[in-house]
Amino acid sequence: QTHIPVGFDVSKMTPFRILVRSVNELEEARLAAPAVVAIKRGRPDAHVTILAPEALVSFWQEITEIDDVLSFTDGDSPQEVAARIRSAGIFDAGVLLPENLGAAKEMVLAGVPTPLGSPHRKGLNHWQNPGGVADPPIRGADRYRRIAKAAGAAMP
């Protein structure tokens, strides 16, 4: 939880720009939406932009906490998606909801700082087991809650 001193004008803060790469399926986006909202509410200076496939743009635009939505088409290469990200400005942080390397590559090519939730960050995608036996990967809403918690959001 963020503490704002009494009388502090939050509108004068420099926005902390967060790019969230949406999942590609509507049902998964519905599961992820509460985590994205929690990320937005976790910082009074957060400006959240969703990068989504064209088919999900209207879904994300309906969520009032989302500040901007960037879209891409199914046929776009990671380089083309990265160019769209760069054209939207500089982002301070990235959150990767899909578990695929193509989505991670989009952010890396665009220069978005270390995307949280990347398939390369085992601590976010898999339970740590001191006994050495791998637990099944975390999926769905549980995975998105865990990513949001790692981003500093208050999640149950």
C-alpha atoms as a PDB file:
ATOM      1  CA  GLN A   1       0.000   0.000   0.000  1.00  0.00           C
ATOM      2  CA  THR A   2       1.229   3.463  -0.894  1.00  0.00           C
ATOM      3  CA  HIS A   3       1.306   6.272   1.651  1.00  0.00           C
ATOM      4  CA  ILE A   4       0.593   9.761   0.333  1.00  0.00           C
ATOM      5  CA  PRO A   5       1.241  12.634   2.751  1.00  0.00           C
ATOM      6  CA  VAL A   6      -1.769  14.779   3.614  1.00  0.00           C
ATOM      7  CA  GLY A   7      -2.026  17.692   1.204  1.00  0.00           C
ATOM      8  CA  PHE A   8       0.260  16.128  -1.422  1.00  0.00           C
ATOM      9  CA  ASP A   9      -0.952  16.803  -4.989  1.00  0.00           C
ATOM     10  CA  VAL A  10      -0.789  13.416  -6.741  1.00  0.00           C
ATOM     11  CA  SER A  11      -1.541  15.065 -10.105  1.00  0.00           C
ATOM     12  CA  LYS A  12       1.912  16.663 -10.049  1.00  0.00           C
ATOM     13  CA  MET A  13       3.702  13.299  -9.969  1.00  0.00           C
ATOM     14  CA  THR A  14       5.506  12.130 -13.083  1.00  0.00           C
ATOM     15  CA  PRO A  15       3.543   9.132 -14.421  1.00  0.00           C
ATOM     16  CA  PHE A  16       5.187   5.737 -13.998  1.00  0.00           C
ATOM     17  CA  ARG A  17       4.456   4.161 -17.381  1.00  0.00           C
ATOM     18  CA  ILE A  18       3.703   0.442 -17.271  1.00  0.00           C
ATOM     19  CA  LEU A  19       3.191  -1.637 -20.411  1.00  0.00           C
ATOM     20  CA  VAL A  20       1.137  -4.786 -19.867  1.00  0.00           C
ATOM     21  CA  ARG A  21       1.234  -7.364 -22.663  1.00  0.00           C
ATOM     22  CA  SER A  22      -2.205  -8.958 -22.810  1.00  0.00           C
ATOM     23  CA  VAL A  23      -2.835 -12.630 -23.273  1.00  0.00           C
ATOM     24  CA  ASN A  24      -4.341 -13.550 -26.645  1.00  0.00           C
ATOM     25  CA  GLU A  25      -7.589 -15.260 -25.569  1.00  0.00           C
ATOM     26  CA  LEU A  26     -10.662 -13.518 -24.163  1.00  0.00           C
ATOM     27  CA  GLU A  27     -11.207 -16.005 -21.322  1.00  0.00           C
ATOM     28  CA  GLU A  28      -7.601 -15.576 -20.159  1.00  0.00           C
ATOM     29  CA  ALA A  29      -7.937 -11.788 -20.426  1.00  0.00           C
ATOM     30  CA  ARG A  30     -10.977 -11.957 -18.140  1.00  0.00           C
ATOM     31  CA  LEU A  31      -8.922 -13.921 -15.609  1.00  0.00           C
ATOM     32  CA  ALA A  32      -6.029 -11.440 -15.879  1.00  0.00           C
ATOM     33  CA  ALA A  33      -8.072  -8.225 -15.659  1.00  0.00           C
ATOM     34  CA  PRO A  34      -8.321  -8.082 -11.828  1.00  0.00           C
ATOM     35  CA  ALA A  35      -4.534  -8.379 -11.574  1.00  0.00           C
ATOM     36  CA  VAL A  36      -4.038  -5.561 -14.095  1.00  0.00           C
ATOM     37  CA  VAL A  37      -6.476  -3.364 -12.168  1.00  0.00           C
ATOM     38  CA  ALA A  38      -4.585  -4.145  -8.938  1.00  0.00           C
ATOM     39  CA  ILE A  39      -1.298  -3.150 -10.600  1.00  0.00           C
ATOM     40  CA  LYS A  40      -2.858   0.168 -11.634  1.00  0.00           C
ATOM     41  CA  ARG A  41      -4.238   0.803  -8.147  1.00  0.00           C
ATOM     42  CA  GLY A  42      -0.905  -0.117  -6.577  1.00  0.00           C
ATOM     43  CA  ARG A  43       0.714   3.192  -7.534  1.00  0.00           C
ATOM     44  CA  PRO A  44      -0.977   6.582  -7.580  1.00  0.00           C
ATOM     45  CA  ASP A  45       1.336   7.631 -10.424  1.00  0.00           C
ATOM     46  CA  ALA A  46       0.757   4.513 -12.566  1.00  0.00           C
ATOM     47  CA  HIS A  47      -0.141   4.994 -16.208  1.00  0.00           C
ATOM     48  CA  VAL A  48      -1.088   1.558 -17.552  1.00  0.00           C
ATOM     49  CA  THR A  49      -1.005   0.773 -21.260  1.00  0.00           C
ATOM     50  CA  ILE A  50      -2.241  -2.594 -22.493  1.00  0.00           C
ATOM     51  CA  LEU A  51      -0.701  -4.165 -25.601  1.00  0.00           C
ATOM     52  CA  ALA A  52      -3.393  -6.454 -26.980  1.00  0.00           C
ATOM     53  CA  PRO A  53      -4.388  -8.318 -30.114  1.00  0.00           C
ATOM     54  CA  GLU A  54      -7.012  -6.403 -32.113  1.00  0.00           C
ATOM     55  CA  ALA A  55      -9.692  -8.906 -31.070  1.00  0.00           C
ATOM     56  CA  LEU A  56      -9.287  -7.897 -27.392  1.00  0.00           C
ATOM     57  CA  VAL A  57      -8.992  -4.118 -27.740  1.00  0.00           C
ATOM     58  CA  SER A  58     -12.662  -3.444 -26.908  1.00  0.00           C
ATOM     59  CA  PHE A  59     -12.456  -5.734 -23.849  1.00  0.00           C
ATOM     60  CA  TRP A  60      -9.503  -3.792 -22.397  1.00  0.00           C
ATOM     61  CA  GLN A  61     -10.991  -0.389 -23.344  1.00  0.00           C
ATOM     62  CA  GLU A  62     -14.028  -1.133 -21.178  1.00  0.00           C
ATOM     63  CA  ILE A  63     -11.867  -1.314 -18.044  1.00  0.00           C
ATOM     64  CA  THR A  64     -11.770   2.237 -16.703  1.00  0.00           C
ATOM     65  CA  GLU A  65      -8.453   1.775 -14.877  1.00  0.00           C
ATOM     66  CA  ILE A  66      -6.642   1.180 -18.186  1.00  0.00           C
ATOM     67  CA  ASP A  67      -5.163   4.417 -19.523  1.00  0.00           C
ATOM     68  CA  ASP A  68      -4.289   3.366 -23.093  1.00  0.00           C
ATOM     69  CA  VAL A  69      -4.582   0.343 -25.364  1.00  0.00           C
ATOM     70  CA  LEU A  70      -2.130  -0.465 -28.155  1.00  0.00           C
ATOM     71  CA  SER A  71      -3.106  -3.116 -30.657  1.00  0.00           C
ATOM     72  CA  PHE A  72      -1.389  -5.545 -32.983  1.00  0.00           C
ATOM     73  CA  THR A  73      -2.632  -8.030 -35.546  1.00  0.00           C
ATOM     74  CA  ASP A  74      -2.127 -11.784 -35.515  1.00  0.00           C
ATOM     75  CA  GLY A  75       0.289 -11.603 -38.434  1.00  0.00           C
ATOM     76  CA  ASP A  76       2.608  -8.991 -36.896  1.00  0.00           C
ATOM     77  CA  SER A  77       6.164 -10.097 -36.204  1.00  0.00           C
ATOM     78  CA  PRO A  78       7.814  -9.342 -32.844  1.00  0.00           C
ATOM     79  CA  GLN A  79       9.803  -6.621 -34.640  1.00  0.00           C
ATOM     80  CA  GLU A  80       6.590  -4.975 -35.917  1.00  0.00           C
ATOM     81  CA  VAL A  81       4.973  -5.142 -32.483  1.00  0.00           C
ATOM     82  CA  ALA A  82       8.141  -3.690 -30.926  1.00  0.00           C
ATOM     83  CA  ALA A  83       7.982  -0.782 -33.384  1.00  0.00           C
ATOM     84  CA  ARG A  84       4.398  -0.056 -32.248  1.00  0.00           C
ATOM     85  CA  ILE A  85       5.518  -0.122 -28.624  1.00  0.00           C
ATOM     86  CA  ARG A  86       8.400   2.272 -29.337  1.00  0.00           C
ATOM     87  CA  SER A  87       6.049   4.639 -31.185  1.00  0.00           C
ATOM     88  CA  ALA A  88       3.915   4.863 -28.012  1.00  0.00           C
ATOM     89  CA  GLY A  89       6.799   6.293 -26.001  1.00  0.00           C
ATOM     90  CA  ILE A  90       9.110   5.139 -23.244  1.00  0.00           C
ATOM     91  CA  PHE A  91       7.874   2.713 -20.620  1.00  0.00           C
ATOM     92  CA  ASP A  92       9.331   2.423 -17.131  1.00  0.00           C
ATOM     93  CA  ALA A  93       8.301  -1.207 -16.640  1.00  0.00           C
ATOM     94  CA  GLY A  94       6.722  -4.089 -18.453  1.00  0.00           C
ATOM     95  CA  VAL A  95       4.384  -6.864 -17.316  1.00  0.00           C
ATOM     96  CA  LEU A  96       4.125  -9.953 -19.468  1.00  0.00           C
ATOM     97  CA  LEU A  97       0.907 -11.921 -19.054  1.00  0.00           C
ATOM     98  CA  PRO A  98       1.364 -14.581 -21.781  1.00  0.00           C
ATOM     99  CA  GLU A  99       3.831 -17.376 -21.226  1.00  0.00           C
ATOM    100  CA  ASN A 100       5.506 -17.294 -24.608  1.00  0.00           C
ATOM    101  CA  LEU A 101       8.860 -16.177 -25.858  1.00  0.00           C
ATOM    102  CA  GLY A 102       7.408 -14.206 -28.776  1.00  0.00           C
ATOM    103  CA  ALA A 103       5.625 -11.832 -26.391  1.00  0.00           C
ATOM    104  CA  ALA A 104       8.801 -11.491 -24.317  1.00  0.00           C
ATOM    105  CA  LYS A 105      10.768 -10.748 -27.474  1.00  0.00           C
ATOM    106  CA  GLU A 106       8.371  -7.913 -28.367  1.00  0.00           C
ATOM    107  CA  MET A 107       9.176  -6.129 -25.124  1.00  0.00           C
ATOM    108  CA  VAL A 108      12.901  -6.804 -25.306  1.00  0.00           C
ATOM    109  CA  LEU A 109      13.109  -5.488 -28.880  1.00  0.00           C
ATOM    110  CA  ALA A 110      11.141  -2.388 -27.848  1.00  0.00           C
ATOM    111  CA  GLY A 111      13.548  -1.702 -24.986  1.00  0.00           C
ATOM    112  CA  VAL A 112      10.967  -2.126 -22.213  1.00  0.00           C
ATOM    113  CA  PRO A 113      12.879  -2.765 -18.966  1.00  0.00           C
ATOM    114  CA  THR A 114      12.909  -6.387 -17.766  1.00  0.00           C
ATOM    115  CA  PRO A 115       9.355  -7.558 -18.288  1.00  0.00           C
ATOM    116  CA  LEU A 116       7.841  -8.943 -15.100  1.00  0.00           C
ATOM    117  CA  GLY A 117       6.235 -12.331 -15.712  1.00  0.00           C
ATOM    118  CA  SER A 118       8.653 -13.325 -18.463  1.00  0.00           C
ATOM    119  CA  PRO A 119       8.931 -17.068 -19.126  1.00  0.00           C
ATOM    120  CA  HIS A 120      12.556 -16.695 -18.070  1.00  0.00           C
ATOM    121  CA  ARG A 121      11.663 -15.648 -14.523  1.00  0.00           C
ATOM    122  CA  LYS A 122      11.050 -19.008 -12.851  1.00  0.00           C
ATOM    123  CA  GLY A 123      10.085 -17.418  -9.556  1.00  0.00           C
ATOM    124  CA  LEU A 124       6.940 -16.032 -11.148  1.00  0.00           C
ATOM    125  CA  ASN A 125       5.960 -19.005 -13.252  1.00  0.00           C
ATOM    126  CA  HIS A 126       6.700 -21.992 -11.032  1.00  0.00           C
ATOM    127  CA  TRP A 127       6.360 -22.797  -7.358  1.00  0.00           C
ATOM    128  CA  GLN A 128       9.719 -23.081  -5.670  1.00  0.00           C
ATOM    129  CA  ASN A 129      10.132 -26.519  -4.136  1.00  0.00           C
ATOM    130  CA  PRO A 130      13.060 -27.009  -1.748  1.00  0.00           C
ATOM    131  CA  GLY A 131      12.762 -30.781  -2.166  1.00  0.00           C
ATOM    132  CA  GLY A 132      13.806 -30.496  -5.799  1.00  0.00           C
ATOM    133  CA  VAL A 133      10.614 -31.993  -7.246  1.00  0.00           C
ATOM    134  CA  ALA A 134       8.970 -29.575  -9.661  1.00  0.00           C
ATOM    135  CA  ASP A 135       5.369 -28.646  -8.967  1.00  0.00           C
ATOM    136  CA  PRO A 136       3.062 -28.006 -11.912  1.00  0.00           C
ATOM    137  CA  PRO A 137       3.305 -24.494 -13.360  1.00  0.00           C
ATOM    138  CA  ILE A 138       0.920 -21.884 -12.003  1.00  0.00           C
ATOM    139  CA  ARG A 139      -1.855 -21.119 -14.487  1.00  0.00           C
ATOM    140  CA  GLY A 140      -4.790 -18.790 -14.986  1.00  0.00           C
ATOM    141  CA  ALA A 141      -5.921 -16.335 -12.338  1.00  0.00           C
ATOM    142  CA  ASP A 142      -3.404 -17.684  -9.795  1.00  0.00           C
ATOM    143  CA  ARG A 143      -0.534 -16.880 -12.158  1.00  0.00           C
ATOM    144  CA  TYR A 144      -1.826 -13.353 -12.816  1.00  0.00           C
ATOM    145  CA  ARG A 145      -2.305 -12.725  -9.077  1.00  0.00           C
ATOM    146  CA  ARG A 146       1.270 -13.824  -8.473  1.00  0.00           C
ATOM    147  CA  ILE A 147       2.576 -11.488 -11.187  1.00  0.00           C
ATOM    148  CA  ALA A 148       0.563  -8.594  -9.725  1.00  0.00           C
ATOM    149  CA  LYS A 149       1.941  -9.303  -6.231  1.00  0.00           C
ATOM    150  CA  ALA A 150       5.473  -9.316  -7.639  1.00  0.00           C
ATOM    151  CA  ALA A 151       4.707  -5.914  -9.171  1.00  0.00           C
ATOM    152  CA  GLY A 152       3.761  -4.611  -5.724  1.00  0.00           C
ATOM    153  CA  ALA A 153      -0.026  -4.782  -6.039  1.00  0.00           C
ATOM    154  CA  ALA A 154      -2.155  -5.758  -3.070  1.00  0.00           C
ATOM    155  CA  MET A 155      -3.741  -9.072  -4.050  1.00  0.00           C
ATOM    156  CA  PRO A 156      -5.581 -11.685  -1.960  1.00  0.00           C
END
